[in-house]
């Protein structure tokens, strides 16, 4: 059973959409389950100034994308580099074992975002 916090992010997702350049946009996917996450962020003075996401996937992945973007706001690159699946799980008040892939997808997306973002 999903937590109330996870269901709230699923029903009322934060930061859904796209950002125009100069935002950096990447796609990440989980080939095992087919979930796909598009993550876009604009950096200003070394911090995330704006962030958006789109996801095609399960309830947990939709909620995880929302929680991820809310968590990312104002973070530095160093803080983003330190992101671990446990952070997303905590933001959602836990994930069922079958849904833990959603947190891993978020971490993979942030890693790709940092690789693609100019310094």
PDB file of N, CA and C in Angstrom:
ATOM      1  N   UNK A   1       0.841  -1.183   0.000  1.00  0.00           N
ATOM      2  CA  UNK A   1       0.000   0.000   0.000  1.00  0.00           C
ATOM      3  C   UNK A   1       0.890   1.252   0.000  1.00  0.00           C
ATOM      4  N   UNK A   2       0.520   2.220  -0.813  1.00  0.00           N
ATOM      5  CA  UNK A   2       1.292   3.458  -0.908  1.00  0.00           C
ATOM      6  C   UNK A   2       0.995   4.379   0.272  1.00  0.00           C
ATOM      7  N   UNK A   3       2.001   5.159   0.655  1.00  0.00           N
ATOM      8  CA  UNK A   3       1.835   6.118   1.750  1.00  0.00           C
ATOM      9  C   UNK A   3       0.927   7.273   1.307  1.00  0.00           C
ATOM     10  N   UNK A   4       0.380   7.965   2.283  1.00  0.00           N
ATOM     11  CA  UNK A   4      -0.461   9.137   1.989  1.00  0.00           C
ATOM     12  C   UNK A   4       0.338  10.207   1.264  1.00  0.00           C
ATOM     13  N   UNK A   5       1.583  10.380   1.663  1.00  0.00           N
ATOM     14  CA  UNK A   5       2.428  11.407   1.033  1.00  0.00           C
ATOM     15  C   UNK A   5       2.691  11.072  -0.430  1.00  0.00           C
ATOM     16  N   UNK A   6       2.958   9.794  -0.707  1.00  0.00           N
ATOM     17  CA  UNK A   6       3.166   9.369  -2.084  1.00  0.00           C
ATOM     18  C   UNK A   6       1.900   9.618  -2.893  1.00  0.00           C
ATOM     19  N   UNK A   7       0.759   9.244  -2.350  1.00  0.00           N
ATOM     20  CA  UNK A   7      -0.499   9.445  -3.070  1.00  0.00           C
ATOM     21  C   UNK A   7      -0.800  10.924  -3.297  1.00  0.00           C
ATOM     22  N   UNK A   8      -0.418  11.772  -2.356  1.00  0.00           N
ATOM     23  CA  UNK A   8      -0.615  13.208  -2.526  1.00  0.00           C
ATOM     24  C   UNK A   8       0.233  13.732  -3.695  1.00  0.00           C
ATOM     25  N   UNK A   9       1.496  13.292  -3.784  1.00  0.00           N
ATOM     26  CA  UNK A   9       2.350  13.696  -4.916  1.00  0.00           C
ATOM     27  C   UNK A   9       1.785  13.159  -6.232  1.00  0.00           C
ATOM     28  N   UNK A  10       1.219  11.969  -6.198  1.00  0.00           N
ATOM     29  CA  UNK A  10       0.642  11.383  -7.404  1.00  0.00           C
ATOM     30  C   UNK A  10      -0.600  12.158  -7.849  1.00  0.00           C
ATOM     31  N   UNK A  11      -1.471  12.481  -6.912  1.00  0.00           N
ATOM     32  CA  UNK A  11      -2.725  13.164  -7.241  1.00  0.00           C
ATOM     33  C   UNK A  11      -2.524  14.644  -7.566  1.00  0.00           C
ATOM     34  N   UNK A  12      -1.539  15.268  -6.933  1.00  0.00           N
ATOM     35  CA  UNK A  12      -1.269  16.694  -7.100  1.00  0.00           C
ATOM     36  C   UNK A  12       0.219  16.913  -7.345  1.00  0.00           C
ATOM     37  N   UNK A  13       0.711  16.463  -8.492  1.00  0.00           N
ATOM     38  CA  UNK A  13       2.152  16.546  -8.742  1.00  0.00           C
ATOM     39  C   UNK A  13       2.650  17.985  -8.847  1.00  0.00           C
ATOM     40  N   UNK A  14       3.854  18.183  -8.350  1.00  0.00           N
ATOM     41  CA  UNK A  14       4.521  19.482  -8.389  1.00  0.00           C
ATOM     42  C   UNK A  14       5.419  19.558  -9.625  1.00  0.00           C
ATOM     43  N   UNK A  15       5.538  20.733 -10.191  1.00  0.00           N
ATOM     44  CA  UNK A  15       6.550  21.028 -11.216  1.00  0.00           C
ATOM     45  C   UNK A  15       6.428  20.184 -12.488  1.00  0.00           C
ATOM     46  N   UNK A  16       5.224  19.886 -12.909  1.00  0.00           N
ATOM     47  CA  UNK A  16       5.022  19.122 -14.137  1.00  0.00           C
ATOM     48  C   UNK A  16       5.171  20.061 -15.327  1.00  0.00           C
ATOM     49  N   UNK A  17       5.864  19.593 -16.355  1.00  0.00           N
ATOM     50  CA  UNK A  17       5.972  20.380 -17.576  1.00  0.00           C
ATOM     51  C   UNK A  17       7.371  20.388 -18.138  1.00  0.00           C
ATOM     52  N   UNK A  18       7.619  21.371 -18.976  1.00  0.00           N
ATOM     53  CA  UNK A  18       8.902  21.514 -19.652  1.00  0.00           C
ATOM     54  C   UNK A  18       9.452  22.908 -19.377  1.00  0.00           C
ATOM     55  N   UNK A  19      10.736  23.066 -19.629  1.00  0.00           N
ATOM     56  CA  UNK A  19      11.381  24.376 -19.543  1.00  0.00           C
ATOM     57  C   UNK A  19      12.101  24.650 -20.857  1.00  0.00           C
ATOM     58  N   UNK A  20      12.018  25.872 -21.361  1.00  0.00           N
ATOM     59  CA  UNK A  20      12.734  26.210 -22.584  1.00  0.00           C
ATOM     60  C   UNK A  20      14.218  26.430 -22.280  1.00  0.00           C
ATOM     61  N   UNK A  21      15.066  26.376 -23.320  1.00  0.00           N
ATOM     62  CA  UNK A  21      16.465  26.721 -23.110  1.00  0.00           C
ATOM     63  C   UNK A  21      16.556  28.124 -22.525  1.00  0.00           C
ATOM     64  N   UNK A  22      17.513  28.364 -21.678  1.00  0.00           N
ATOM     65  CA  UNK A  22      18.759  27.631 -21.460  1.00  0.00           C
ATOM     66  C   UNK A  22      18.669  26.468 -20.468  1.00  0.00           C
ATOM     67  N   UNK A  23      17.480  26.055 -20.092  1.00  0.00           N
ATOM     68  CA  UNK A  23      17.368  24.891 -19.208  1.00  0.00           C
ATOM     69  C   UNK A  23      17.958  23.667 -19.899  1.00  0.00           C
ATOM     70  N   UNK A  24      18.492  22.775 -19.106  1.00  0.00           N
ATOM     71  CA  UNK A  24      19.028  21.508 -19.592  1.00  0.00           C
ATOM     72  C   UNK A  24      17.934  20.470 -19.411  1.00  0.00           C
ATOM     73  N   UNK A  25      17.677  19.686 -20.457  1.00  0.00           N
ATOM     74  CA  UNK A  25      16.656  18.648 -20.406  1.00  0.00           C
ATOM     75  C   UNK A  25      17.284  17.314 -20.761  1.00  0.00           C
ATOM     76  N   UNK A  26      16.984  16.301 -19.959  1.00  0.00           N
ATOM     77  CA  UNK A  26      17.493  14.953 -20.211  1.00  0.00           C
ATOM     78  C   UNK A  26      16.342  13.962 -20.093  1.00  0.00           C
ATOM     79  N   UNK A  27      16.554  12.785 -20.647  1.00  0.00           N
ATOM     80  CA  UNK A  27      15.617  11.674 -20.512  1.00  0.00           C
ATOM     81  C   UNK A  27      16.329  10.525 -19.823  1.00  0.00           C
ATOM     82  N   UNK A  28      15.629   9.886 -18.918  1.00  0.00           N
ATOM     83  CA  UNK A  28      16.141   8.695 -18.249  1.00  0.00           C
ATOM     84  C   UNK A  28      15.041   7.647 -18.295  1.00  0.00           C
ATOM     85  N   UNK A  29      15.450   6.399 -18.391  1.00  0.00           N
ATOM     86  CA  UNK A  29      14.442   5.344 -18.407  1.00  0.00           C
ATOM     87  C   UNK A  29      14.922   4.131 -17.631  1.00  0.00           C
ATOM     88  N   UNK A  30      13.974   3.320 -17.292  1.00  0.00           N
ATOM     89  CA  UNK A  30      14.248   2.055 -16.627  1.00  0.00           C
ATOM     90  C   UNK A  30      13.807   0.971 -17.596  1.00  0.00           C
ATOM     91  N   UNK A  31      14.756   0.346 -18.306  1.00  0.00           N
ATOM     92  CA  UNK A  31      14.370  -0.647 -19.306  1.00  0.00           C
ATOM     93  C   UNK A  31      13.661  -1.864 -18.711  1.00  0.00           C
ATOM     94  N   UNK A  32      13.887  -2.133 -17.435  1.00  0.00           N
ATOM     95  CA  UNK A  32      13.261  -3.300 -16.812  1.00  0.00           C
ATOM     96  C   UNK A  32      11.746  -3.123 -16.681  1.00  0.00           C
ATOM     97  N   UNK A  33      11.306  -1.899 -16.346  1.00  0.00           N
ATOM     98  CA  UNK A  33       9.863  -1.694 -16.132  1.00  0.00           C
ATOM     99  C   UNK A  33       9.237  -0.796 -17.196  1.00  0.00           C
ATOM    100  N   UNK A  34      10.065  -0.088 -17.963  1.00  0.00           N
ATOM    101  CA  UNK A  34       9.550   0.765 -19.017  1.00  0.00           C
ATOM    102  C   UNK A  34       9.246   2.191 -18.601  1.00  0.00           C
ATOM    103  N   UNK A  35       9.443   2.540 -17.337  1.00  0.00           N
ATOM    104  CA  UNK A  35       9.184   3.908 -16.887  1.00  0.00           C
ATOM    105  C   UNK A  35      10.178   4.868 -17.539  1.00  0.00           C
ATOM    106  N   UNK A  36       9.686   6.072 -17.881  1.00  0.00           N
ATOM    107  CA  UNK A  36      10.529   7.091 -18.495  1.00  0.00           C
ATOM    108  C   UNK A  36      10.331   8.411 -17.770  1.00  0.00           C
ATOM    109  N   UNK A  37      11.441   9.092 -17.500  1.00  0.00           N
ATOM    110  CA  UNK A  37      11.422  10.373 -16.796  1.00  0.00           C
ATOM    111  C   UNK A  37      12.185  11.401 -17.613  1.00  0.00           C
ATOM    112  N   UNK A  38      11.534  12.511 -17.926  1.00  0.00           N
ATOM    113  CA  UNK A  38      12.194  13.662 -18.558  1.00  0.00           C
ATOM    114  C   UNK A  38      12.348  14.709 -17.468  1.00  0.00           C
ATOM    115  N   UNK A  39      13.573  15.175 -17.287  1.00  0.00           N
ATOM    116  CA  UNK A  39      13.884  16.131 -16.233  1.00  0.00           C
ATOM    117  C   UNK A  39      14.539  17.356 -16.861  1.00  0.00           C
ATOM    118  N   UNK A  40      14.048  18.535 -16.496  1.00  0.00           N
ATOM    119  CA  UNK A  40      14.596  19.788 -17.009  1.00  0.00           C
ATOM    120  C   UNK A  40      14.895  20.710 -15.835  1.00  0.00           C
ATOM    121  N   UNK A  41      16.056  21.364 -15.890  1.00  0.00           N
ATOM    122  CA  UNK A  41      16.424  22.290 -14.817  1.00  0.00           C
ATOM    123  C   UNK A  41      17.189  23.468 -15.396  1.00  0.00           C
ATOM    124  N   UNK A  42      16.967  24.607 -14.767  1.00  0.00           N
ATOM    125  CA  UNK A  42      17.713  25.821 -15.097  1.00  0.00           C
ATOM    126  C   UNK A  42      18.518  26.187 -13.862  1.00  0.00           C
ATOM    127  N   UNK A  43      19.808  26.372 -14.062  1.00  0.00           N
ATOM    128  CA  UNK A  43      20.707  26.723 -12.971  1.00  0.00           C
ATOM    129  C   UNK A  43      20.986  28.216 -12.987  1.00  0.00           C
ATOM    130  N   UNK A  44      21.077  28.782 -11.811  1.00  0.00           N
ATOM    131  CA  UNK A  44      21.401  30.192 -11.661  1.00  0.00           C
ATOM    132  C   UNK A  44      22.292  30.327 -10.430  1.00  0.00           C
ATOM    133  N   UNK A  45      23.453  30.932 -10.617  1.00  0.00           N
ATOM    134  CA  UNK A  45      24.403  31.097  -9.509  1.00  0.00           C
ATOM    135  C   UNK A  45      24.719  29.774  -8.811  1.00  0.00           C
ATOM    136  N   UNK A  46      24.852  28.708  -9.621  1.00  0.00           N
ATOM    137  CA  UNK A  46      25.247  27.407  -9.085  1.00  0.00           C
ATOM    138  C   UNK A  46      24.146  26.630  -8.383  1.00  0.00           C
ATOM    139  N   UNK A  47      22.917  27.119  -8.449  1.00  0.00           N
ATOM    140  CA  UNK A  47      21.787  26.439  -7.792  1.00  0.00           C
ATOM    141  C   UNK A  47      20.661  26.191  -8.793  1.00  0.00           C
ATOM    142  N   UNK A  48      19.816  25.227  -8.481  1.00  0.00           N
ATOM    143  CA  UNK A  48      18.642  24.968  -9.311  1.00  0.00           C
ATOM    144  C   UNK A  48      17.656  26.103  -9.087  1.00  0.00           C
ATOM    145  N   UNK A  49      17.420  26.867 -10.143  1.00  0.00           N
ATOM    146  CA  UNK A  49      16.505  28.001 -10.054  1.00  0.00           C
ATOM    147  C   UNK A  49      15.086  27.591 -10.448  1.00  0.00           C
ATOM    148  N   UNK A  50      15.001  26.619 -11.341  1.00  0.00           N
ATOM    149  CA  UNK A  50      13.703  26.171 -11.831  1.00  0.00           C
ATOM    150  C   UNK A  50      13.849  24.721 -12.278  1.00  0.00           C
ATOM    151  N   UNK A  51      12.832  23.909 -12.032  1.00  0.00           N
ATOM    152  CA  UNK A  51      12.908  22.497 -12.404  1.00  0.00           C
ATOM    153  C   UNK A  51      11.516  21.998 -12.784  1.00  0.00           C
ATOM    154  N   UNK A  52      11.458  21.136 -13.808  1.00  0.00           N
ATOM    155  CA  UNK A  52      10.202  20.545 -14.267  1.00  0.00           C
ATOM    156  C   UNK A  52      10.459  19.075 -14.622  1.00  0.00           C
ATOM    157  N   UNK A  53       9.373  18.319 -14.636  1.00  0.00           N
ATOM    158  CA  UNK A  53       9.492  16.921 -15.032  1.00  0.00           C
ATOM    159  C   UNK A  53       8.247  16.457 -15.765  1.00  0.00           C
ATOM    160  N   UNK A  54       8.437  15.395 -16.519  1.00  0.00           N
ATOM    161  CA  UNK A  54       7.363  14.644 -17.146  1.00  0.00           C
ATOM    162  C   UNK A  54       7.725  13.183 -16.978  1.00  0.00           C
ATOM    163  N   UNK A  55       6.727  12.351 -16.730  1.00  0.00           N
ATOM    164  CA  UNK A  55       7.022  10.933 -16.537  1.00  0.00           C
ATOM    165  C   UNK A  55       5.937  10.092 -17.182  1.00  0.00           C
ATOM    166  N   UNK A  56       6.368   8.988 -17.712  1.00  0.00           N
ATOM    167  CA  UNK A  56       5.443   7.950 -18.163  1.00  0.00           C
ATOM    168  C   UNK A  56       5.796   6.718 -17.357  1.00  0.00           C
ATOM    169  N   UNK A  57       4.886   6.339 -16.481  1.00  0.00           N
ATOM    170  CA  UNK A  57       5.182   5.192 -15.649  1.00  0.00           C
ATOM    171  C   UNK A  57       4.121   4.954 -14.600  1.00  0.00           C
ATOM    172  N   UNK A  58       4.504   4.222 -13.602  1.00  0.00           N
ATOM    173  CA  UNK A  58       3.604   3.800 -12.544  1.00  0.00           C
ATOM    174  C   UNK A  58       3.332   4.936 -11.555  1.00  0.00           C
ATOM    175  N   UNK A  59       2.422   4.687 -10.643  1.00  0.00           N
ATOM    176  CA  UNK A  59       2.062   5.653  -9.603  1.00  0.00           C
ATOM    177  C   UNK A  59       3.299   6.117  -8.842  1.00  0.00           C
ATOM    178  N   UNK A  60       4.148   5.174  -8.460  1.00  0.00           N
ATOM    179  CA  UNK A  60       5.340   5.518  -7.678  1.00  0.00           C
ATOM    180  C   UNK A  60       6.288   6.408  -8.477  1.00  0.00           C
ATOM    181  N   UNK A  61       6.464   6.156  -9.757  1.00  0.00           N
ATOM    182  CA  UNK A  61       7.372   6.975 -10.569  1.00  0.00           C
ATOM    183  C   UNK A  61       6.832   8.381 -10.768  1.00  0.00           C
ATOM    184  N   UNK A  62       5.530   8.510 -10.937  1.00  0.00           N
ATOM    185  CA  UNK A  62       4.930   9.836 -11.070  1.00  0.00           C
ATOM    186  C   UNK A  62       5.125  10.621  -9.774  1.00  0.00           C
ATOM    187  N   UNK A  63       4.850   9.973  -8.649  1.00  0.00           N
ATOM    188  CA  UNK A  63       5.014  10.634  -7.351  1.00  0.00           C
ATOM    189  C   UNK A  63       6.483  10.932  -7.069  1.00  0.00           C
ATOM    190  N   UNK A  64       7.373  10.024  -7.428  1.00  0.00           N
ATOM    191  CA  UNK A  64       8.801  10.224  -7.183  1.00  0.00           C
ATOM    192  C   UNK A  64       9.326  11.415  -7.982  1.00  0.00           C
ATOM    193  N   UNK A  65       8.874  11.577  -9.214  1.00  0.00           N
ATOM    194  CA  UNK A  65       9.278  12.734 -10.015  1.00  0.00           C
ATOM    195  C   UNK A  65       8.839  14.036  -9.370  1.00  0.00           C
ATOM    196  N   UNK A  66       7.645  14.054  -8.841  1.00  0.00           N
ATOM    197  CA  UNK A  66       7.139  15.241  -8.149  1.00  0.00           C
ATOM    198  C   UNK A  66       7.974  15.533  -6.904  1.00  0.00           C
ATOM    199  N   UNK A  67       8.211  14.509  -6.109  1.00  0.00           N
ATOM    200  CA  UNK A  67       9.013  14.678  -4.890  1.00  0.00           C
ATOM    201  C   UNK A  67      10.435  15.103  -5.235  1.00  0.00           C
ATOM    202  N   UNK A  68      10.994  14.532  -6.280  1.00  0.00           N
ATOM    203  CA  UNK A  68      12.349  14.883  -6.711  1.00  0.00           C
ATOM    204  C   UNK A  68      12.433  16.366  -7.046  1.00  0.00           C
ATOM    205  N   UNK A  69      11.518  16.860  -7.859  1.00  0.00           N
ATOM    206  CA  UNK A  69      11.616  18.253  -8.286  1.00  0.00           C
ATOM    207  C   UNK A  69      11.411  19.209  -7.114  1.00  0.00           C
ATOM    208  N   UNK A  70      10.518  18.866  -6.200  1.00  0.00           N
ATOM    209  CA  UNK A  70      10.334  19.705  -5.009  1.00  0.00           C
ATOM    210  C   UNK A  70      11.613  19.724  -4.182  1.00  0.00           C
ATOM    211  N   UNK A  71      12.272  18.577  -4.060  1.00  0.00           N
ATOM    212  CA  UNK A  71      13.517  18.468  -3.304  1.00  0.00           C
ATOM    213  C   UNK A  71      14.644  19.249  -3.988  1.00  0.00           C
ATOM    214  N   UNK A  72      14.683  19.239  -5.310  1.00  0.00           N
ATOM    215  CA  UNK A  72      15.780  19.852  -6.064  1.00  0.00           C
ATOM    216  C   UNK A  72      15.813  21.369  -5.989  1.00  0.00           C
ATOM    217  N   UNK A  73      14.688  22.008  -5.781  1.00  0.00           N
ATOM    218  CA  UNK A  73      14.622  23.459  -5.834  1.00  0.00           C
ATOM    219  C   UNK A  73      15.622  24.099  -4.879  1.00  0.00           C
ATOM    220  N   UNK A  74      16.494  24.943  -5.448  1.00  0.00           N
ATOM    221  CA  UNK A  74      17.488  25.660  -4.656  1.00  0.00           C
ATOM    222  C   UNK A  74      18.745  24.882  -4.317  1.00  0.00           C
ATOM    223  N   UNK A  75      18.816  23.624  -4.722  1.00  0.00           N
ATOM    224  CA  UNK A  75      19.980  22.800  -4.388  1.00  0.00           C
ATOM    225  C   UNK A  75      21.186  23.162  -5.267  1.00  0.00           C
ATOM    226  N   UNK A  76      22.389  22.978  -4.698  1.00  0.00           N
ATOM    227  CA  UNK A  76      23.635  23.166  -5.442  1.00  0.00           C
ATOM    228  C   UNK A  76      23.960  21.884  -6.199  1.00  0.00           C
ATOM    229  N   UNK A  77      24.920  21.985  -7.095  1.00  0.00           N
ATOM    230  CA  UNK A  77      25.370  20.787  -7.816  1.00  0.00           C
ATOM    231  C   UNK A  77      25.914  19.726  -6.857  1.00  0.00           C
ATOM    232  N   UNK A  78      26.614  20.165  -5.818  1.00  0.00           N
ATOM    233  CA  UNK A  78      27.162  19.212  -4.845  1.00  0.00           C
ATOM    234  C   UNK A  78      26.041  18.486  -4.114  1.00  0.00           C
ATOM    235  N   UNK A  79      25.009  19.228  -3.741  1.00  0.00           N
ATOM    236  CA  UNK A  79      23.861  18.596  -3.078  1.00  0.00           C
ATOM    237  C   UNK A  79      23.164  17.616  -4.023  1.00  0.00           C
ATOM    238  N   UNK A  80      23.062  17.978  -5.293  1.00  0.00           N
ATOM    239  CA  UNK A  80      22.455  17.077  -6.272  1.00  0.00           C
ATOM    240  C   UNK A  80      23.289  15.812  -6.446  1.00  0.00           C
ATOM    241  N   UNK A  81      24.608  15.968  -6.475  1.00  0.00           N
ATOM    242  CA  UNK A  81      25.495  14.802  -6.620  1.00  0.00           C
ATOM    243  C   UNK A  81      25.323  13.812  -5.469  1.00  0.00           C
ATOM    244  N   UNK A  82      24.952  14.308  -4.307  1.00  0.00           N
ATOM    245  CA  UNK A  82      24.818  13.456  -3.124  1.00  0.00           C
ATOM    246  C   UNK A  82      23.465  12.739  -3.063  1.00  0.00           C
ATOM    247  N   UNK A  83      22.594  13.001  -4.019  1.00  0.00           N
ATOM    248  CA  UNK A  83      21.268  12.372  -4.003  1.00  0.00           C
ATOM    249  C   UNK A  83      21.400  10.853  -4.052  1.00  0.00           C
ATOM    250  N   UNK A  84      20.672  10.187  -3.188  1.00  0.00           N
ATOM    251  CA  UNK A  84      20.608   8.723  -3.142  1.00  0.00           C
ATOM    252  C   UNK A  84      19.145   8.309  -3.146  1.00  0.00           C
ATOM    253  N   UNK A  85      18.840   7.093  -3.567  1.00  0.00           N
ATOM    254  CA  UNK A  85      17.447   6.640  -3.564  1.00  0.00           C
ATOM    255  C   UNK A  85      16.754   6.816  -2.216  1.00  0.00           C
ATOM    256  N   UNK A  86      17.488   6.677  -1.136  1.00  0.00           N
ATOM    257  CA  UNK A  86      16.888   6.817   0.197  1.00  0.00           C
ATOM    258  C   UNK A  86      16.285   8.198   0.417  1.00  0.00           C
ATOM    259  N   UNK A  87      16.840   9.226  -0.221  1.00  0.00           N
ATOM    260  CA  UNK A  87      16.304  10.580  -0.086  1.00  0.00           C
ATOM    261  C   UNK A  87      14.902  10.643  -0.693  1.00  0.00           C
ATOM    262  N   UNK A  88      14.734  10.092  -1.875  1.00  0.00           N
ATOM    263  CA  UNK A  88      13.423  10.092  -2.534  1.00  0.00           C
ATOM    264  C   UNK A  88      12.442   9.247  -1.735  1.00  0.00           C
ATOM    265  N   UNK A  89      12.905   8.107  -1.263  1.00  0.00           N
ATOM    266  CA  UNK A  89      12.035   7.253  -0.445  1.00  0.00           C
ATOM    267  C   UNK A  89      11.564   8.005   0.797  1.00  0.00           C
ATOM    268  N   UNK A  90      12.463   8.737   1.415  1.00  0.00           N
ATOM    269  CA  UNK A  90      12.096   9.519   2.608  1.00  0.00           C
ATOM    270  C   UNK A  90      11.094  10.618   2.253  1.00  0.00           C
ATOM    271  N   UNK A  91      11.291  11.270   1.115  1.00  0.00           N
ATOM    272  CA  UNK A  91      10.379  12.332   0.684  1.00  0.00           C
ATOM    273  C   UNK A  91       8.965  11.800   0.430  1.00  0.00           C
ATOM    274  N   UNK A  92       8.855  10.507   0.157  1.00  0.00           N
ATOM    275  CA  UNK A  92       7.556   9.884  -0.121  1.00  0.00           C
ATOM    276  C   UNK A  92       7.043   9.067   1.065  1.00  0.00           C
ATOM    277  N   UNK A  93       7.713   9.167   2.191  1.00  0.00           N
ATOM    278  CA  UNK A  93       7.375   8.347   3.366  1.00  0.00           C
ATOM    279  C   UNK A  93       7.427   6.862   3.045  1.00  0.00           C
ATOM    280  N   UNK A  94       8.413   6.492   2.251  1.00  0.00           N
ATOM    281  CA  UNK A  94       8.662   5.091   1.943  1.00  0.00           C
ATOM    282  C   UNK A  94       8.126   4.649   0.598  1.00  0.00           C
ATOM    283  N   UNK A  95       8.735   3.585   0.098  1.00  0.00           N
ATOM    284  CA  UNK A  95       8.307   2.942  -1.140  1.00  0.00           C
ATOM    285  C   UNK A  95       8.234   1.442  -0.888  1.00  0.00           C
ATOM    286  N   UNK A  96       7.245   0.815  -1.468  1.00  0.00           N
ATOM    287  CA  UNK A  96       7.146  -0.635  -1.393  1.00  0.00           C
ATOM    288  C   UNK A  96       8.324  -1.235  -2.151  1.00  0.00           C
ATOM    289  N   UNK A  97       8.745  -2.451  -1.782  1.00  0.00           N
ATOM    290  CA  UNK A  97       9.881  -3.063  -2.483  1.00  0.00           C
ATOM    291  C   UNK A  97       9.715  -3.093  -4.006  1.00  0.00           C
ATOM    292  N   UNK A  98       8.521  -3.356  -4.488  1.00  0.00           N
ATOM    293  CA  UNK A  98       8.288  -3.417  -5.933  1.00  0.00           C
ATOM    294  C   UNK A  98       8.341  -2.043  -6.593  1.00  0.00           C
ATOM    295  N   UNK A  99       8.352  -0.976  -5.804  1.00  0.00           N
ATOM    296  CA  UNK A  99       8.344   0.382  -6.352  1.00  0.00           C
ATOM    297  C   UNK A  99       9.662   1.123  -6.155  1.00  0.00           C
ATOM    298  N   UNK A 100      10.647   0.494  -5.577  1.00  0.00           N
ATOM    299  CA  UNK A 100      11.915   1.170  -5.291  1.00  0.00           C
ATOM    300  C   UNK A 100      12.626   1.629  -6.563  1.00  0.00           C
ATOM    301  N   UNK A 101      12.293   1.022  -7.692  1.00  0.00           N
ATOM    302  CA  UNK A 101      12.885   1.442  -8.958  1.00  0.00           C
ATOM    303  C   UNK A 101      12.603   2.909  -9.255  1.00  0.00           C
ATOM    304  N   UNK A 102      11.511   3.449  -8.736  1.00  0.00           N
ATOM    305  CA  UNK A 102      11.154   4.848  -8.985  1.00  0.00           C
ATOM    306  C   UNK A 102      12.203   5.796  -8.407  1.00  0.00           C
ATOM    307  N   UNK A 103      12.705   5.491  -7.226  1.00  0.00           N
ATOM    308  CA  UNK A 103      13.738   6.322  -6.604  1.00  0.00           C
ATOM    309  C   UNK A 103      15.055   6.208  -7.370  1.00  0.00           C
ATOM    310  N   UNK A 104      15.364   5.022  -7.844  1.00  0.00           N
ATOM    311  CA  UNK A 104      16.591   4.812  -8.622  1.00  0.00           C
ATOM    312  C   UNK A 104      16.514   5.587  -9.938  1.00  0.00           C
ATOM    313  N   UNK A 105      15.349   5.604 -10.564  1.00  0.00           N
ATOM    314  CA  UNK A 105      15.160   6.360 -11.801  1.00  0.00           C
ATOM    315  C   UNK A 105      15.426   7.847 -11.569  1.00  0.00           C
ATOM    316  N   UNK A 106      14.978   8.367 -10.444  1.00  0.00           N
ATOM    317  CA  UNK A 106      15.215   9.782 -10.114  1.00  0.00           C
ATOM    318  C   UNK A 106      16.706  10.072  -9.966  1.00  0.00           C
ATOM    319  N   UNK A 107      17.415   9.210  -9.276  1.00  0.00           N
ATOM    320  CA  UNK A 107      18.852   9.395  -9.078  1.00  0.00           C
ATOM    321  C   UNK A 107      19.574   9.335 -10.425  1.00  0.00           C
ATOM    322  N   UNK A 108      19.210   8.373 -11.261  1.00  0.00           N
ATOM    323  CA  UNK A 108      19.819   8.273 -12.587  1.00  0.00           C
ATOM    324  C   UNK A 108      19.574   9.539 -13.402  1.00  0.00           C
ATOM    325  N   UNK A 109      18.374  10.089 -13.311  1.00  0.00           N
ATOM    326  CA  UNK A 109      18.051  11.300 -14.061  1.00  0.00           C
ATOM    327  C   UNK A 109      18.883  12.487 -13.591  1.00  0.00           C
ATOM    328  N   UNK A 110      19.063  12.623 -12.297  1.00  0.00           N
ATOM    329  CA  UNK A 110      19.868  13.730 -11.771  1.00  0.00           C
ATOM    330  C   UNK A 110      21.320  13.581 -12.207  1.00  0.00           C
ATOM    331  N   UNK A 111      21.847  12.373 -12.196  1.00  0.00           N
ATOM    332  CA  UNK A 111      23.224  12.147 -12.668  1.00  0.00           C
ATOM    333  C   UNK A 111      23.359  12.570 -14.130  1.00  0.00           C
ATOM    334  N   UNK A 112      22.408  12.189 -14.960  1.00  0.00           N
ATOM    335  CA  UNK A 112      22.441  12.580 -16.372  1.00  0.00           C
ATOM    336  C   UNK A 112      22.319  14.094 -16.540  1.00  0.00           C
ATOM    337  N   UNK A 113      21.477  14.692 -15.726  1.00  0.00           N
ATOM    338  CA  UNK A 113      21.301  16.148 -15.771  1.00  0.00           C
ATOM    339  C   UNK A 113      22.615  16.847 -15.454  1.00  0.00           C
ATOM    340  N   UNK A 114      23.294  16.402 -14.428  1.00  0.00           N
ATOM    341  CA  UNK A 114      24.567  17.024 -14.042  1.00  0.00           C
ATOM    342  C   UNK A 114      25.634  16.832 -15.124  1.00  0.00           C
ATOM    343  N   UNK A 115      25.620  15.671 -15.775  1.00  0.00           N
ATOM    344  CA  UNK A 115      26.580  15.433 -16.871  1.00  0.00           C
ATOM    345  C   UNK A 115      26.308  16.352 -18.050  1.00  0.00           C
ATOM    346  N   UNK A 116      25.034  16.655 -18.303  1.00  0.00           N
ATOM    347  CA  UNK A 116      24.658  17.458 -19.470  1.00  0.00           C
ATOM    348  C   UNK A 116      24.718  18.966 -19.205  1.00  0.00           C
ATOM    349  N   UNK A 117      24.630  19.356 -17.952  1.00  0.00           N
ATOM    350  CA  UNK A 117      24.565  20.781 -17.612  1.00  0.00           C
ATOM    351  C   UNK A 117      25.935  21.444 -17.727  1.00  0.00           C
ATOM    352  N   UNK A 118      26.018  22.568 -18.430  1.00  0.00           N
ATOM    353  CA  UNK A 118      27.292  23.288 -18.468  1.00  0.00           C
ATOM    354  C   UNK A 118      27.639  23.846 -17.095  1.00  0.00           C
ATOM    355  N   UNK A 119      28.888  23.976 -16.843  1.00  0.00           N
ATOM    356  CA  UNK A 119      29.349  24.480 -15.537  1.00  0.00           C
ATOM    357  C   UNK A 119      29.284  25.950 -15.495  1.00  0.00           C
TER     358      UNK A 119
END
